[in-house]
Amino acid sequence: MKRSDLNSKLRDFARQLSPTAADQDLIGKVYSSLNDLFGSSNCIQIGSYPRFTATTPIHDLDILYVLGQWDDNNHSPEATLRNLHTQLGTSYDNPTRFTTQISLQTHSVTIEYSSGTDVVLSVDIVPAYKFSTNEYGLPTYKVPEVIRQGNHEKRHLASWSPDQDNGWIHSDPRGYISAATAVGVNSDFRKAVKIAKDWKNRLKAEDDKLKLKSFHLEQVITAMFQEDPSLDVGRALFDFFIAIPDVIAETDQIADRANPDKYIDDYIKDLTRAQKDKIILARDNVLIALEQADPSTDI
């Protein structure tokens, strides 16, 4: 198949992975309701949705609630989280038809929107204080320390002791959004990321222990487009899958923007050799399929 035809097929497939009108409508209602409560100047979307790399269905949304300027001597993470939990419990006006449950975590307060027993959307509201400035001239923040766990797992504040962590951590979510916006001038960046995430999701569906993280894979592809902004979606995906063995070979290859001593790929240490071999076999199958694609191929 001609490269241009393969790119066209891949782009069409990526569009199918993009958030639907229903996804966008729900997120718009929820975000507006939080703006009404906290003030639009204090409420910032973070995560994959504002980076335009989210895929449908959207189950998670991350919101930064900016409380003011950081003070080394005057902020208790536990008190900050409990106050936010109380504020939401007493003042939040649910704009959706779904039932809500508000719970206290060690780094955020979570609102779950449910239909019956099914959670439709989980919104993590992270309290934050402005701390410094990144290279884009945007604020970085201090947020409650996230105790590391598996994807989408929650740890309730009731089981948390401030002695177990540093209490607060430096975070730069807007720096990640700005970096994605810069490479996203080439729209094939977002399409490549969405297809890589879909592959990751299918991999996990086959074997729940093959837990690659979406944010990690996105940063791998971000670096590729930073190095070569002219990449098309097909070339980017070939390069991504070729790189997979190196990406999972060892941990601590990609440092966190705000914390050089922390790494977004540190979870790789938990993958066994057998699990890594399965991941590599899966990517082998994808590379073969891409190389053999023809006009009748269903991407």
Protein backbone atom coordinates (compact mmCIF):
# COMPACT_ATOMS: atom_id res chain seq x y z
CA MET A 1 0.00 0.00 0.00
CA LYS A 2 1.21 3.49 -0.75
CA ARG A 3 2.33 5.43 2.32
CA SER A 4 -0.24 8.15 1.66
CA ASP A 5 -3.05 5.57 1.57
CA LEU A 6 -1.91 3.96 4.82
CA ASN A 7 -1.73 7.38 6.48
CA SER A 8 -5.27 8.10 5.32
CA LYS A 9 -6.53 4.83 6.83
CA LEU A 10 -4.74 5.49 10.11
CA ARG A 11 -6.12 9.02 10.33
CA ASP A 12 -9.64 7.77 9.74
CA PHE A 13 -9.21 5.18 12.49
CA ALA A 14 -7.83 7.78 14.93
CA ARG A 15 -10.87 9.98 14.35
CA GLN A 16 -13.06 7.08 15.50
CA LEU A 17 -11.11 7.03 18.77
CA SER A 18 -11.67 10.73 19.51
CA PRO A 19 -14.12 11.84 22.23
CA THR A 20 -17.70 11.78 21.00
CA ALA A 21 -20.17 14.66 21.10
CA ALA A 22 -21.76 12.98 24.13
CA ASP A 23 -18.35 12.80 25.87
CA GLN A 24 -17.74 16.47 25.19
CA ASP A 25 -21.22 17.50 26.30
CA LEU A 26 -20.89 15.69 29.64
CA ILE A 27 -17.42 17.09 30.32
CA GLY A 28 -18.60 20.58 29.37
CA LYS A 29 -21.49 20.41 31.85
CA VAL A 30 -19.31 19.04 34.65
CA TYR A 31 -16.49 21.54 34.07
CA SER A 32 -18.94 24.46 33.96
CA SER A 33 -20.48 23.34 37.26
CA LEU A 34 -17.05 23.33 38.91
CA ASN A 35 -16.25 26.74 37.43
CA ASP A 36 -19.49 27.99 39.00
CA LEU A 37 -18.42 26.66 42.38
CA PHE A 38 -14.72 27.54 42.42
CA GLY A 39 -14.54 30.46 39.98
CA SER A 40 -13.38 30.11 36.38
CA SER A 41 -10.01 31.72 37.12
CA ASN A 42 -9.28 29.06 39.77
CA CYS A 43 -10.34 25.97 37.83
CA ILE A 44 -8.06 24.38 35.20
CA GLN A 45 -8.50 21.20 33.20
CA ILE A 46 -5.38 19.04 33.20
CA GLY A 47 -4.58 15.57 31.86
CA SER A 48 -5.16 14.07 28.42
CA TYR A 49 -8.43 15.86 27.62
CA PRO A 50 -6.94 19.40 27.36
CA ARG A 51 -3.90 17.88 25.62
CA PHE A 52 -6.38 16.56 22.99
CA THR A 53 -4.97 13.05 23.34
CA ALA A 54 -7.93 11.49 25.17
CA THR A 55 -9.81 8.58 23.61
CA THR A 56 -13.44 7.61 23.85
CA PRO A 57 -15.09 6.62 26.09
CA ILE A 58 -13.74 9.16 28.58
CA HIS A 59 -13.93 7.73 32.08
CA ASP A 60 -11.63 10.15 33.89
CA LEU A 61 -11.23 13.92 34.07
CA ASP A 62 -8.62 15.81 36.10
CA ILE A 63 -9.24 19.33 37.41
CA LEU A 64 -6.75 21.60 39.17
CA TYR A 65 -8.34 23.85 41.81
CA VAL A 66 -5.95 26.76 42.43
CA LEU A 67 -6.16 28.06 45.98
CA GLY A 68 -3.53 30.79 45.90
CA GLN A 69 0.21 31.21 46.39
CA TRP A 70 2.36 28.58 48.09
CA ASP A 71 3.50 29.25 51.65
CA ASP A 72 6.13 26.87 53.04
CA ASN A 73 4.88 27.31 56.59
CA ASN A 74 1.14 27.50 56.28
CA HIS A 75 -0.36 24.62 54.30
CA SER A 76 -1.60 21.29 55.63
CA PRO A 77 -2.35 18.77 52.86
CA GLU A 78 -4.86 16.93 55.04
CA ALA A 79 -6.73 20.10 56.06
CA THR A 80 -6.73 21.33 52.45
CA LEU A 81 -8.26 18.09 51.18
CA ARG A 82 -10.81 17.85 53.97
CA ASN A 83 -11.92 21.46 53.42
CA LEU A 84 -12.36 20.77 49.70
CA HIS A 85 -14.35 17.63 50.46
CA THR A 86 -16.65 19.59 52.79
CA GLN A 87 -17.08 22.39 50.24
CA LEU A 88 -18.12 19.94 47.52
CA GLY A 89 -20.40 18.01 49.86
CA THR A 90 -22.31 21.11 50.94
CA SER A 91 -22.22 23.37 47.87
CA TYR A 92 -21.80 21.34 44.68
CA ASP A 93 -24.75 21.46 42.27
CA ASN A 94 -24.80 18.36 40.05
CA PRO A 95 -25.69 19.43 36.47
CA THR A 96 -26.15 15.88 35.13
CA ARG A 97 -28.82 13.20 35.27
CA PHE A 98 -26.36 10.87 36.98
CA THR A 99 -26.07 10.22 40.71
CA THR A 100 -22.88 11.47 42.34
CA GLN A 101 -20.64 10.20 45.10
CA ILE A 102 -17.94 12.44 46.57
CA SER A 103 -14.95 10.77 48.20
CA LEU A 104 -11.72 11.91 49.81
CA GLN A 105 -8.41 10.63 48.41
CA THR A 106 -4.80 11.26 49.40
CA HIS A 107 -4.19 13.64 46.49
CA SER A 108 -7.64 14.82 45.45
CA VAL A 109 -11.34 14.78 46.04
CA THR A 110 -13.18 12.55 43.57
CA ILE A 111 -16.69 12.95 42.21
CA GLU A 112 -18.08 9.82 40.59
CA TYR A 113 -21.06 10.19 38.27
CA SER A 114 -22.97 6.91 38.05
CA SER A 115 -25.86 5.35 36.22
CA GLY A 116 -27.04 2.53 38.46
CA THR A 117 -23.94 0.58 39.45
CA ASP A 118 -21.88 1.82 36.46
CA VAL A 119 -19.49 4.74 36.95
CA VAL A 120 -19.89 6.91 33.86
CA LEU A 121 -17.28 9.55 34.74
CA SER A 122 -14.79 9.99 37.58
CA VAL A 123 -13.52 13.52 38.19
CA ASP A 124 -10.42 14.07 40.30
CA ILE A 125 -10.25 17.59 41.74
CA VAL A 126 -6.71 18.35 42.86
CA PRO A 127 -6.17 21.34 45.17
CA ALA A 128 -3.07 23.30 44.21
CA TYR A 129 -0.97 26.29 45.17
CA LYS A 130 1.04 28.31 42.67
CA PHE A 131 4.71 27.61 43.32
CA SER A 132 7.04 28.57 40.47
CA THR A 133 7.09 29.19 36.69
CA ASN A 134 7.95 26.83 33.84
CA GLU A 135 9.74 27.60 30.56
CA TYR A 136 6.43 28.55 28.97
CA GLY A 137 5.90 31.31 31.52
CA LEU A 138 3.06 29.39 33.17
CA PRO A 139 2.69 28.55 36.86
CA THR A 140 3.81 25.27 38.33
CA TYR A 141 2.09 24.03 41.47
CA LYS A 142 2.36 22.29 44.78
CA VAL A 143 -0.27 19.55 45.06
CA PRO A 144 -0.89 16.87 47.71
CA GLU A 145 1.52 13.97 47.34
CA VAL A 146 0.22 11.12 45.18
CA ILE A 147 1.00 7.76 46.76
CA ARG A 148 1.98 5.53 43.85
CA GLN A 149 -0.43 2.79 42.87
CA GLY A 150 -1.81 1.08 39.79
CA ASN A 151 -3.79 2.98 37.18
CA HIS A 152 -7.05 4.54 38.40
CA GLU A 153 -6.74 3.06 41.88
CA LYS A 154 -7.74 5.33 44.74
CA ARG A 155 -6.32 5.57 48.22
CA HIS A 156 -8.65 7.03 50.79
CA LEU A 157 -7.46 9.69 53.21
CA ALA A 158 -8.70 7.69 56.18
CA SER A 159 -5.81 5.26 55.66
CA TRP A 160 -3.21 7.94 55.02
CA SER A 161 -0.61 9.28 57.39
CA PRO A 162 1.38 12.41 56.48
CA ASP A 163 4.44 10.60 57.82
CA GLN A 164 4.26 8.21 54.85
CA ASP A 165 5.14 10.85 52.26
CA ASN A 166 6.29 14.42 51.82
CA GLY A 167 2.80 15.87 52.07
CA TRP A 168 3.17 17.98 48.91
CA ILE A 169 4.82 17.48 45.54
CA HIS A 170 5.91 19.92 42.82
CA SER A 171 3.79 19.47 39.68
CA ASP A 172 3.77 20.98 36.19
CA PRO A 173 0.57 19.82 34.42
CA ARG A 174 0.37 22.98 32.31
CA GLY A 175 3.90 22.35 31.04
CA TYR A 176 2.77 18.99 29.66
CA ILE A 177 -0.23 20.67 28.02
CA SER A 178 2.03 23.32 26.46
CA ALA A 179 4.47 20.69 25.15
CA ALA A 180 1.58 18.73 23.60
CA THR A 181 0.18 21.92 22.09
CA ALA A 182 3.55 22.74 20.52
CA VAL A 183 3.95 19.37 18.78
CA GLY A 184 0.20 19.21 18.15
CA VAL A 185 0.62 21.82 15.42
CA ASN A 186 1.13 18.62 13.44
CA SER A 187 -2.27 16.97 14.01
CA ASP A 188 -0.77 13.55 13.30
CA PHE A 189 0.81 13.75 16.77
CA ARG A 190 -2.58 13.44 18.46
CA LYS A 191 -3.67 10.72 16.05
CA ALA A 192 -0.53 8.64 16.70
CA VAL A 193 -1.01 8.97 20.46
CA LYS A 194 -4.66 7.89 20.28
CA ILE A 195 -3.81 4.81 18.23
CA ALA A 196 -0.97 3.89 20.61
CA LYS A 197 -3.37 4.25 23.56
CA ASP A 198 -5.95 2.08 21.82
CA TRP A 199 -3.29 -0.60 21.29
CA LYS A 200 -2.37 -0.33 24.97
CA ASN A 201 -6.02 -0.74 25.97
CA ARG A 202 -6.46 -3.78 23.73
CA LEU A 203 -3.28 -5.28 25.16
CA LYS A 204 -4.58 -4.87 28.72
CA ALA A 205 -7.95 -6.32 27.70
CA GLU A 206 -6.14 -9.50 26.56
CA ASP A 207 -3.98 -9.70 29.69
CA ASP A 208 -4.76 -7.44 32.65
CA LYS A 209 -1.17 -7.69 33.89
CA LEU A 210 0.23 -5.94 30.80
CA LYS A 211 -0.35 -2.50 32.29
CA LEU A 212 1.49 0.03 30.19
CA LYS A 213 0.53 3.59 31.13
CA SER A 214 -1.07 5.92 28.61
CA PHE A 215 0.80 8.98 29.85
CA HIS A 216 4.13 7.17 29.49
CA LEU A 217 3.42 6.15 25.89
CA GLU A 218 2.23 9.68 25.09
CA GLN A 219 5.52 11.12 26.34
CA VAL A 220 7.48 8.66 24.16
CA ILE A 221 5.59 9.89 21.09
CA THR A 222 5.88 13.52 22.20
CA ALA A 223 9.66 13.17 22.21
CA MET A 224 9.56 11.69 18.70
CA PHE A 225 7.64 14.68 17.34
CA GLN A 226 9.87 17.11 19.22
CA GLU A 227 12.86 15.55 17.46
CA ASP A 228 11.13 15.45 14.05
CA PRO A 229 8.07 17.75 13.79
CA SER A 230 7.43 16.59 10.20
CA LEU A 231 6.52 13.00 11.14
CA ASP A 232 3.33 11.62 9.65
CA VAL A 233 1.08 9.24 11.59
CA GLY A 234 2.33 6.11 9.81
CA ARG A 235 6.00 6.88 10.31
CA ALA A 236 5.38 7.87 13.93
CA LEU A 237 3.61 4.59 14.69
CA PHE A 238 6.27 2.50 12.97
CA ASP A 239 8.95 4.32 14.99
CA PHE A 240 6.91 3.95 18.19
CA PHE A 241 6.41 0.20 17.82
CA ILE A 242 10.04 -0.34 16.79
CA ALA A 243 11.08 1.49 19.97
CA ILE A 244 8.85 -0.54 22.33
CA PRO A 245 11.57 -3.04 23.41
CA ASP A 246 13.82 -0.14 24.44
CA VAL A 247 10.91 1.73 26.05
CA ILE A 248 10.18 -1.18 28.39
CA ALA A 249 13.75 -2.49 28.74
CA GLU A 250 14.46 -0.57 31.92
CA THR A 251 12.88 1.90 34.26
CA ASP A 252 13.61 5.59 34.92
CA GLN A 253 14.16 6.78 31.35
CA ILE A 254 11.73 9.74 31.40
CA ALA A 255 11.98 12.19 34.28
CA ASP A 256 8.97 14.09 35.56
CA ARG A 257 9.00 17.71 34.36
CA ALA A 258 8.79 19.19 37.85
CA ASN A 259 10.70 16.50 39.75
CA PRO A 260 13.93 15.36 38.07
CA ASP A 261 14.42 12.69 40.73
CA LYS A 262 11.05 11.12 39.88
CA TYR A 263 10.26 9.20 36.69
CA ILE A 264 6.97 8.68 34.89
CA ASP A 265 8.10 5.22 33.72
CA ASP A 266 9.20 3.91 37.12
CA TYR A 267 6.36 1.37 37.04
CA ILE A 268 8.25 -0.60 34.37
CA LYS A 269 10.19 -2.25 37.20
CA ASP A 270 7.02 -4.17 38.07
CA LEU A 271 6.84 -5.90 34.67
CA THR A 272 8.30 -9.40 34.58
CA ARG A 273 10.46 -10.70 31.74
CA ALA A 274 7.56 -12.87 30.58
CA GLN A 275 5.21 -9.87 30.52
CA LYS A 276 7.71 -7.81 28.55
CA ASP A 277 8.05 -10.67 26.07
CA LYS A 278 4.26 -10.68 25.59
CA ILE A 279 4.27 -6.94 24.94
CA ILE A 280 7.05 -7.29 22.38
CA LEU A 281 5.24 -10.16 20.67
CA ALA A 282 2.10 -8.02 20.47
CA ARG A 283 4.00 -5.15 18.87
CA ASP A 284 5.63 -7.64 16.42
CA ASN A 285 2.15 -8.60 15.24
CA VAL A 286 1.22 -4.93 14.77
CA LEU A 287 4.36 -4.20 12.75
CA ILE A 288 3.73 -7.20 10.51
CA ALA A 289 0.12 -6.12 9.99
CA LEU A 290 1.15 -2.56 9.13
CA GLU A 291 3.77 -3.76 6.69
CA GLN A 292 1.25 -6.09 5.01
CA ALA A 293 -1.61 -3.56 4.90
CA ASP A 294 -3.39 -3.22 1.57
CA PRO A 295 -6.44 -1.24 0.39
CA SER A 296 -8.81 -3.83 1.92
CA THR A 297 -7.15 -3.81 5.34
CA ASP A 298 -9.33 -2.97 8.34
CA ILE A 299 -7.06 -0.91 10.55
